[in-house]
Amino acid sequence: MSSCEMEGPAASEVMKSIFRTTLHEIGTPINGIVTASRLLQQELENGNQEFIQELIQMIGTSASYLQEIFERVRQAAQQENLHRFQLDEIIFDFSKLLDGILHSMAPLFMEKEISVVKRISDDFPHTVFSDRTYLTQIIYNILTNALKYSPKASRVTITCFVRGGEKLCVEIADQGIGIPAKELPYIFKEYHQIVSGVPSRFGGMGLGLSIVRNLAEVMGGNVEVKSEVGVGSVFTIVLPWKK
């Protein structure tokens, strides 16, 4: 039976799952475009041409990410096992990928005056063999959480390093409100809100970390978390180094 012939509750649940996940995934790039567009309007009046060009590039980067999501969902909708994640591994420039993510999210961090520090160890590979779209989603979602739960004028630090010569690690540390110890066992469950009452502008459906965990596991890795209330959280993406 082809995907277009699926009927009944199973098909309905699959489509609901795709809809919910997609709705969550497009939240950050859309907010990035909206914020950058507002800043662009202000700069058109001020006449700072360099910043205007930078904002235009930010809008373009976010739009490209939206296009990637659309294409992945379109492909999934044509498959029989719609609810299963399908890997599409390629060789790509990791540093360029990370820079693109940070560039597209820059307006959101600027709005909260959050500084972003990037550190890449000397032994971290220039190119990696992995699923580019899924890795983008993982990093986007963790950075979105850092943005959502961090106070104004704080700092987010991204550190990339190799563990044991065989694991690629991307560590994202924030100075946010932190996660209570009793909540840590549940943060990767669907629809679980880390902290209730936080504005949902950046996607408050409780799907972000669930998506992160699922995608990391499909890619043969995992996600580690350390957190302290009032100090911040550290999420570490651990993936196999496929040389």
C-alpha atoms as a PDB file:
ATOM      1  CA  MET A   1       0.000   0.000   0.000  1.00  0.00           C
ATOM      2  CA  SER A   2       1.399   3.387  -0.938  1.00  0.00           C
ATOM      3  CA  SER A   3       1.376   6.359   1.405  1.00  0.00           C
ATOM      4  CA  CYS A   4      -1.449   7.967  -0.510  1.00  0.00           C
ATOM      5  CA  GLU A   5      -3.563   4.841   0.141  1.00  0.00           C
ATOM      6  CA  MET A   6      -3.142   4.846   3.910  1.00  0.00           C
ATOM      7  CA  GLU A   7      -6.480   4.980   5.679  1.00  0.00           C
ATOM      8  CA  GLY A   8      -7.927   4.991   9.169  1.00  0.00           C
ATOM      9  CA  PRO A   9      -6.522   5.971  12.556  1.00  0.00           C
ATOM     10  CA  ALA A  10      -2.912   5.013  11.704  1.00  0.00           C
ATOM     11  CA  ALA A  11      -2.729   7.423   8.774  1.00  0.00           C
ATOM     12  CA  SER A  12      -4.435  10.123  10.807  1.00  0.00           C
ATOM     13  CA  GLU A  13      -1.970   9.809  13.687  1.00  0.00           C
ATOM     14  CA  VAL A  14       1.004   9.833  11.310  1.00  0.00           C
ATOM     15  CA  MET A  15      -0.180  13.021   9.644  1.00  0.00           C
ATOM     16  CA  LYS A  16      -0.865  14.636  13.034  1.00  0.00           C
ATOM     17  CA  SER A  17       2.670  13.738  14.114  1.00  0.00           C
ATOM     18  CA  ILE A  18       4.178  15.253  10.973  1.00  0.00           C
ATOM     19  CA  PHE A  19       2.044  18.381  11.395  1.00  0.00           C
ATOM     20  CA  ARG A  20       2.998  18.884  15.055  1.00  0.00           C
ATOM     21  CA  THR A  21       6.699  18.333  14.415  1.00  0.00           C
ATOM     22  CA  THR A  22       6.750  20.602  11.371  1.00  0.00           C
ATOM     23  CA  LEU A  23       4.852  23.333  13.217  1.00  0.00           C
ATOM     24  CA  HIS A  24       7.482  23.275  15.935  1.00  0.00           C
ATOM     25  CA  GLU A  25      10.432  23.189  13.526  1.00  0.00           C
ATOM     26  CA  ILE A  26       9.390  26.229  11.499  1.00  0.00           C
ATOM     27  CA  GLY A  27       8.920  28.417  14.583  1.00  0.00           C
ATOM     28  CA  THR A  28      12.538  29.531  15.032  1.00  0.00           C
ATOM     29  CA  PRO A  29      13.374  30.394  11.399  1.00  0.00           C
ATOM     30  CA  ILE A  30      10.063  32.220  11.009  1.00  0.00           C
ATOM     31  CA  ASN A  31      10.740  34.259  14.152  1.00  0.00           C
ATOM     32  CA  GLY A  32      14.221  34.949  12.832  1.00  0.00           C
ATOM     33  CA  ILE A  33      12.806  36.268   9.556  1.00  0.00           C
ATOM     34  CA  VAL A  34      10.189  38.402  11.319  1.00  0.00           C
ATOM     35  CA  THR A  35      12.723  39.912  13.741  1.00  0.00           C
ATOM     36  CA  ALA A  36      15.333  40.530  11.031  1.00  0.00           C
ATOM     37  CA  SER A  37      12.668  42.136   8.823  1.00  0.00           C
ATOM     38  CA  ARG A  38      11.672  44.499  11.630  1.00  0.00           C
ATOM     39  CA  LEU A  39      15.303  45.444  12.243  1.00  0.00           C
ATOM     40  CA  LEU A  40      15.769  45.877   8.497  1.00  0.00           C
ATOM     41  CA  GLN A  41      12.893  48.349   8.365  1.00  0.00           C
ATOM     42  CA  GLN A  42      14.521  50.370  11.139  1.00  0.00           C
ATOM     43  CA  GLU A  43      17.924  50.339   9.455  1.00  0.00           C
ATOM     44  CA  LEU A  44      16.469  51.442   6.120  1.00  0.00           C
ATOM     45  CA  GLU A  45      15.577  54.660   7.922  1.00  0.00           C
ATOM     46  CA  ASN A  46      18.999  54.945   9.588  1.00  0.00           C
ATOM     47  CA  GLY A  47      20.928  54.132   6.428  1.00  0.00           C
ATOM     48  CA  ASN A  48      23.517  51.695   7.831  1.00  0.00           C
ATOM     49  CA  GLN A  49      24.208  49.851   4.581  1.00  0.00           C
ATOM     50  CA  GLU A  50      26.554  47.274   6.101  1.00  0.00           C
ATOM     51  CA  PHE A  51      24.001  46.199   8.704  1.00  0.00           C
ATOM     52  CA  ILE A  52      21.242  46.240   6.076  1.00  0.00           C
ATOM     53  CA  GLN A  53      23.175  43.754   3.934  1.00  0.00           C
ATOM     54  CA  GLU A  54      23.838  41.576   6.968  1.00  0.00           C
ATOM     55  CA  LEU A  55      20.137  41.490   7.866  1.00  0.00           C
ATOM     56  CA  ILE A  56      19.230  40.562   4.290  1.00  0.00           C
ATOM     57  CA  GLN A  57      21.677  37.651   4.492  1.00  0.00           C
ATOM     58  CA  MET A  58      20.144  36.550   7.810  1.00  0.00           C
ATOM     59  CA  ILE A  59      16.690  36.510   6.234  1.00  0.00           C
ATOM     60  CA  GLY A  60      18.022  34.463   3.328  1.00  0.00           C
ATOM     61  CA  THR A  61      19.668  31.913   5.628  1.00  0.00           C
ATOM     62  CA  SER A  62      16.463  31.414   7.625  1.00  0.00           C
ATOM     63  CA  ALA A  63      14.462  31.098   4.403  1.00  0.00           C
ATOM     64  CA  SER A  64      16.870  28.406   3.162  1.00  0.00           C
ATOM     65  CA  TYR A  65      16.369  26.438   6.369  1.00  0.00           C
ATOM     66  CA  LEU A  66      12.598  26.670   5.943  1.00  0.00           C
ATOM     67  CA  GLN A  67      13.005  25.314   2.434  1.00  0.00           C
ATOM     68  CA  GLU A  68      15.026  22.368   3.774  1.00  0.00           C
ATOM     69  CA  ILE A  69      12.271  21.550   6.265  1.00  0.00           C
ATOM     70  CA  PHE A  70       9.641  21.753   3.549  1.00  0.00           C
ATOM     71  CA  GLU A  71      11.580  19.410   1.277  1.00  0.00           C
ATOM     72  CA  ARG A  72      12.151  16.871   4.053  1.00  0.00           C
ATOM     73  CA  VAL A  73       8.460  16.862   5.009  1.00  0.00           C
ATOM     74  CA  ARG A  74       7.460  16.569   1.352  1.00  0.00           C
ATOM     75  CA  GLN A  75       9.657  13.505   0.992  1.00  0.00           C
ATOM     76  CA  ALA A  76       8.333  11.981   4.202  1.00  0.00           C
ATOM     77  CA  ALA A  77       4.731  12.445   3.056  1.00  0.00           C
ATOM     78  CA  GLN A  78       5.475  10.269   0.017  1.00  0.00           C
ATOM     79  CA  GLN A  79       6.833   7.343   2.044  1.00  0.00           C
ATOM     80  CA  GLU A  80       4.888   4.472   3.512  1.00  0.00           C
ATOM     81  CA  ASN A  81       6.498   4.697   6.963  1.00  0.00           C
ATOM     82  CA  LEU A  82       5.857   8.373   7.457  1.00  0.00           C
ATOM     83  CA  HIS A  83       6.505   8.333  11.175  1.00  0.00           C
ATOM     84  CA  ARG A  84      10.022   6.915  10.830  1.00  0.00           C
ATOM     85  CA  PHE A  85      13.071   9.107  10.522  1.00  0.00           C
ATOM     86  CA  GLN A  86      15.059   8.463   7.337  1.00  0.00           C
ATOM     87  CA  LEU A  87      18.779   9.245   7.320  1.00  0.00           C
ATOM     88  CA  ASP A  88      20.324  11.123   4.418  1.00  0.00           C
ATOM     89  CA  GLU A  89      24.037  11.278   5.225  1.00  0.00           C
ATOM     90  CA  ILE A  90      26.443  13.397   3.197  1.00  0.00           C
ATOM     91  CA  ILE A  91      29.862  15.006   3.644  1.00  0.00           C
ATOM     92  CA  PHE A  92      29.564  18.697   4.517  1.00  0.00           C
ATOM     93  CA  ASP A  93      31.478  21.585   6.063  1.00  0.00           C
ATOM     94  CA  PHE A  94      30.473  21.583   9.744  1.00  0.00           C
ATOM     95  CA  SER A  95      31.854  25.029  10.552  1.00  0.00           C
ATOM     96  CA  LYS A  96      29.909  26.494   7.646  1.00  0.00           C
ATOM     97  CA  LEU A  97      26.747  24.738   8.873  1.00  0.00           C
ATOM     98  CA  LEU A  98      27.162  26.107  12.400  1.00  0.00           C
ATOM     99  CA  ASP A  99      27.896  29.613  11.128  1.00  0.00           C
ATOM    100  CA  GLY A 100      24.740  29.475   9.011  1.00  0.00           C
ATOM    101  CA  ILE A 101      22.596  28.468  11.990  1.00  0.00           C
ATOM    102  CA  LEU A 102      24.050  31.230  14.159  1.00  0.00           C
ATOM    103  CA  HIS A 103      23.664  33.743  11.344  1.00  0.00           C
ATOM    104  CA  SER A 104      19.982  32.936  10.869  1.00  0.00           C
ATOM    105  CA  MET A 105      19.337  33.161  14.640  1.00  0.00           C
ATOM    106  CA  ALA A 106      21.430  36.312  15.140  1.00  0.00           C
ATOM    107  CA  PRO A 107      18.436  38.717  15.131  1.00  0.00           C
ATOM    108  CA  LEU A 108      16.803  36.740  17.959  1.00  0.00           C
ATOM    109  CA  PHE A 109      19.956  36.770  20.081  1.00  0.00           C
ATOM    110  CA  MET A 110      20.512  40.455  19.289  1.00  0.00           C
ATOM    111  CA  GLU A 111      16.996  41.292  20.447  1.00  0.00           C
ATOM    112  CA  LYS A 112      17.730  39.815  23.900  1.00  0.00           C
ATOM    113  CA  GLU A 113      21.304  41.152  23.886  1.00  0.00           C
ATOM    114  CA  ILE A 114      22.618  37.609  24.332  1.00  0.00           C
ATOM    115  CA  SER A 115      26.216  37.138  23.215  1.00  0.00           C
ATOM    116  CA  VAL A 116      27.178  33.900  21.478  1.00  0.00           C
ATOM    117  CA  VAL A 117      30.692  32.469  21.821  1.00  0.00           C
ATOM    118  CA  LYS A 118      31.885  29.699  19.461  1.00  0.00           C
ATOM    119  CA  ARG A 119      34.877  27.479  20.215  1.00  0.00           C
ATOM    120  CA  ILE A 120      36.076  24.664  17.960  1.00  0.00           C
ATOM    121  CA  SER A 121      38.997  22.472  19.053  1.00  0.00           C
ATOM    122  CA  ASP A 122      41.924  21.987  16.691  1.00  0.00           C
ATOM    123  CA  ASP A 123      41.232  18.262  16.288  1.00  0.00           C
ATOM    124  CA  PHE A 124      37.552  18.721  15.421  1.00  0.00           C
ATOM    125  CA  PRO A 125      37.150  17.733  11.726  1.00  0.00           C
ATOM    126  CA  HIS A 126      36.571  20.417   9.109  1.00  0.00           C
ATOM    127  CA  THR A 127      34.085  18.192   7.271  1.00  0.00           C
ATOM    128  CA  VAL A 128      31.789  15.534   8.733  1.00  0.00           C
ATOM    129  CA  PHE A 129      29.729  12.680   7.305  1.00  0.00           C
ATOM    130  CA  SER A 130      26.264  12.899   8.802  1.00  0.00           C
ATOM    131  CA  ASP A 131      22.669  13.953   8.153  1.00  0.00           C
ATOM    132  CA  ARG A 132      22.997  17.685   7.583  1.00  0.00           C
ATOM    133  CA  THR A 133      19.308  18.527   7.994  1.00  0.00           C
ATOM    134  CA  TYR A 134      18.854  16.500  11.173  1.00  0.00           C
ATOM    135  CA  LEU A 135      22.010  17.913  12.755  1.00  0.00           C
ATOM    136  CA  THR A 136      20.744  21.400  11.897  1.00  0.00           C
ATOM    137  CA  GLN A 137      17.429  20.620  13.592  1.00  0.00           C
ATOM    138  CA  ILE A 138      19.172  19.349  16.729  1.00  0.00           C
ATOM    139  CA  ILE A 139      21.375  22.418  17.092  1.00  0.00           C
ATOM    140  CA  TYR A 140      18.501  24.777  16.255  1.00  0.00           C
ATOM    141  CA  ASN A 141      16.284  23.250  18.924  1.00  0.00           C
ATOM    142  CA  ILE A 142      18.893  23.349  21.679  1.00  0.00           C
ATOM    143  CA  LEU A 143      19.846  26.937  20.812  1.00  0.00           C
ATOM    144  CA  THR A 144      16.159  27.867  20.791  1.00  0.00           C
ATOM    145  CA  ASN A 145      15.813  26.518  24.328  1.00  0.00           C
ATOM    146  CA  ALA A 146      18.903  28.464  25.403  1.00  0.00           C
ATOM    147  CA  LEU A 147      17.392  31.596  23.886  1.00  0.00           C
ATOM    148  CA  LYS A 148      13.996  30.972  25.425  1.00  0.00           C
ATOM    149  CA  TYR A 149      15.179  30.337  28.991  1.00  0.00           C
ATOM    150  CA  SER A 150      18.122  32.763  29.173  1.00  0.00           C
ATOM    151  CA  PRO A 151      17.877  36.240  30.696  1.00  0.00           C
ATOM    152  CA  LYS A 152      18.669  39.387  28.774  1.00  0.00           C
ATOM    153  CA  ALA A 153      22.368  40.243  28.287  1.00  0.00           C
ATOM    154  CA  SER A 154      23.581  36.745  29.186  1.00  0.00           C
ATOM    155  CA  ARG A 155      25.902  34.437  27.212  1.00  0.00           C
ATOM    156  CA  VAL A 156      25.567  31.204  25.225  1.00  0.00           C
ATOM    157  CA  THR A 157      28.747  29.230  24.543  1.00  0.00           C
ATOM    158  CA  ILE A 158      29.086  26.588  21.821  1.00  0.00           C
ATOM    159  CA  THR A 159      32.094  24.279  22.159  1.00  0.00           C
ATOM    160  CA  CYS A 160      32.942  21.614  19.565  1.00  0.00           C
ATOM    161  CA  PHE A 161      35.448  18.907  20.510  1.00  0.00           C
ATOM    162  CA  VAL A 162      36.392  15.265  19.955  1.00  0.00           C
ATOM    163  CA  ARG A 163      35.909  12.735  22.760  1.00  0.00           C
ATOM    164  CA  GLY A 164      38.054   9.619  22.893  1.00  0.00           C
ATOM    165  CA  GLY A 165      39.095   9.969  19.281  1.00  0.00           C
ATOM    166  CA  GLU A 166      35.777   8.572  18.052  1.00  0.00           C
ATOM    167  CA  LYS A 167      32.952  10.860  19.195  1.00  0.00           C
ATOM    168  CA  LEU A 168      32.105  14.322  17.883  1.00  0.00           C
ATOM    169  CA  CYS A 169      30.668  16.540  20.597  1.00  0.00           C
ATOM    170  CA  VAL A 170      28.838  19.852  20.288  1.00  0.00           C
ATOM    171  CA  GLU A 171      28.305  21.401  23.710  1.00  0.00           C
ATOM    172  CA  ILE A 172      25.825  24.270  24.130  1.00  0.00           C
ATOM    173  CA  ALA A 173      25.966  26.033  27.491  1.00  0.00           C
ATOM    174  CA  ASP A 174      23.695  28.854  28.627  1.00  0.00           C
ATOM    175  CA  GLN A 175      23.348  31.059  31.685  1.00  0.00           C
ATOM    176  CA  GLY A 176      19.612  30.539  31.897  1.00  0.00           C
ATOM    177  CA  ILE A 177      17.223  29.665  34.675  1.00  0.00           C
ATOM    178  CA  GLY A 178      18.336  26.034  34.783  1.00  0.00           C
ATOM    179  CA  ILE A 179      16.302  22.855  35.122  1.00  0.00           C
ATOM    180  CA  PRO A 180      15.215  21.443  38.497  1.00  0.00           C
ATOM    181  CA  ALA A 181      16.798  18.043  39.230  1.00  0.00           C
ATOM    182  CA  LYS A 182      13.375  16.418  39.519  1.00  0.00           C
ATOM    183  CA  GLU A 183      12.556  17.537  35.950  1.00  0.00           C
ATOM    184  CA  LEU A 184      15.696  16.162  34.262  1.00  0.00           C
ATOM    185  CA  PRO A 185      14.375  12.591  33.767  1.00  0.00           C
ATOM    186  CA  TYR A 186      11.383  13.942  31.821  1.00  0.00           C
ATOM    187  CA  ILE A 187      12.733  16.752  29.632  1.00  0.00           C
ATOM    188  CA  PHE A 188      13.035  14.556  26.528  1.00  0.00           C
ATOM    189  CA  LYS A 189       9.410  13.409  26.670  1.00  0.00           C
ATOM    190  CA  GLU A 190       6.961  14.830  24.131  1.00  0.00           C
ATOM    191  CA  TYR A 191       4.901  17.833  25.300  1.00  0.00           C
ATOM    192  CA  HIS A 192       6.882  18.188  28.516  1.00  0.00           C
ATOM    193  CA  GLN A 193       7.467  21.857  29.305  1.00  0.00           C
ATOM    194  CA  ILE A 194      10.745  22.467  31.149  1.00  0.00           C
ATOM    195  CA  VAL A 195       9.261  25.458  32.943  1.00  0.00           C
ATOM    196  CA  SER A 196       5.592  26.357  32.842  1.00  0.00           C
ATOM    197  CA  GLY A 197       4.546  29.916  32.183  1.00  0.00           C
ATOM    198  CA  VAL A 198       7.463  30.832  29.894  1.00  0.00           C
ATOM    199  CA  PRO A 199       6.320  32.707  26.759  1.00  0.00           C
ATOM    200  CA  SER A 200       5.949  30.326  23.812  1.00  0.00           C
ATOM    201  CA  ARG A 201       7.204  32.703  21.123  1.00  0.00           C
ATOM    202  CA  PHE A 202      10.074  30.368  20.240  1.00  0.00           C
ATOM    203  CA  GLY A 203       7.958  27.222  20.098  1.00  0.00           C
ATOM    204  CA  GLY A 204       6.432  26.130  23.377  1.00  0.00           C
ATOM    205  CA  MET A 205       4.819  22.850  22.360  1.00  0.00           C
ATOM    206  CA  GLY A 206       7.227  20.721  24.384  1.00  0.00           C
ATOM    207  CA  LEU A 207       8.489  18.945  21.261  1.00  0.00           C
ATOM    208  CA  GLY A 208      11.954  20.459  20.862  1.00  0.00           C
ATOM    209  CA  LEU A 209      13.982  18.193  23.134  1.00  0.00           C
ATOM    210  CA  SER A 210      11.944  15.145  22.151  1.00  0.00           C
ATOM    211  CA  ILE A 211      12.916  15.799  18.530  1.00  0.00           C
ATOM    212  CA  VAL A 212      16.534  16.335  19.586  1.00  0.00           C
ATOM    213  CA  ARG A 213      16.698  12.989  21.378  1.00  0.00           C
ATOM    214  CA  ASN A 214      14.981  11.049  18.577  1.00  0.00           C
ATOM    215  CA  LEU A 215      17.167  12.481  15.831  1.00  0.00           C
ATOM    216  CA  ALA A 216      20.389  12.011  17.804  1.00  0.00           C
ATOM    217  CA  GLU A 217      19.538   8.350  18.431  1.00  0.00           C
ATOM    218  CA  VAL A 218      18.705   7.768  14.769  1.00  0.00           C
ATOM    219  CA  MET A 219      22.111   9.236  13.910  1.00  0.00           C
ATOM    220  CA  GLY A 220      23.764   6.744  16.268  1.00  0.00           C
ATOM    221  CA  GLY A 221      24.390   9.248  19.038  1.00  0.00           C
ATOM    222  CA  ASN A 222      22.803  10.731  22.107  1.00  0.00           C
ATOM    223  CA  VAL A 223      22.310  13.984  24.015  1.00  0.00           C
ATOM    224  CA  GLU A 224      23.671  14.607  27.502  1.00  0.00           C
ATOM    225  CA  VAL A 225      22.433  17.299  29.857  1.00  0.00           C
ATOM    226  CA  LYS A 226      23.714  18.954  33.021  1.00  0.00           C
ATOM    227  CA  SER A 227      21.823  21.750  34.699  1.00  0.00           C
ATOM    228  CA  GLU A 228      21.668  23.780  37.871  1.00  0.00           C
ATOM    229  CA  VAL A 229      18.790  26.060  38.822  1.00  0.00           C
ATOM    230  CA  GLY A 230      19.833  29.688  38.692  1.00  0.00           C
ATOM    231  CA  VAL A 231      23.119  28.871  36.959  1.00  0.00           C
ATOM    232  CA  GLY A 232      22.225  27.443  33.552  1.00  0.00           C
ATOM    233  CA  SER A 233      22.179  24.311  31.439  1.00  0.00           C
ATOM    234  CA  VAL A 234      24.687  22.433  29.309  1.00  0.00           C
ATOM    235  CA  PHE A 235      23.464  20.182  26.486  1.00  0.00           C
ATOM    236  CA  THR A 236      26.061  18.035  24.707  1.00  0.00           C
ATOM    237  CA  ILE A 237      25.296  16.453  21.352  1.00  0.00           C
ATOM    238  CA  VAL A 238      27.402  13.284  21.021  1.00  0.00           C
ATOM    239  CA  LEU A 239      27.661  11.682  17.571  1.00  0.00           C
ATOM    240  CA  PRO A 240      29.866   8.954  16.112  1.00  0.00           C
ATOM    241  CA  TRP A 241      32.831  10.216  14.086  1.00  0.00           C
ATOM    242  CA  LYS A 242      32.404   8.487  10.742  1.00  0.00           C
ATOM    243  CA  LYS A 243      35.830   8.869   9.161  1.00  0.00           C
END
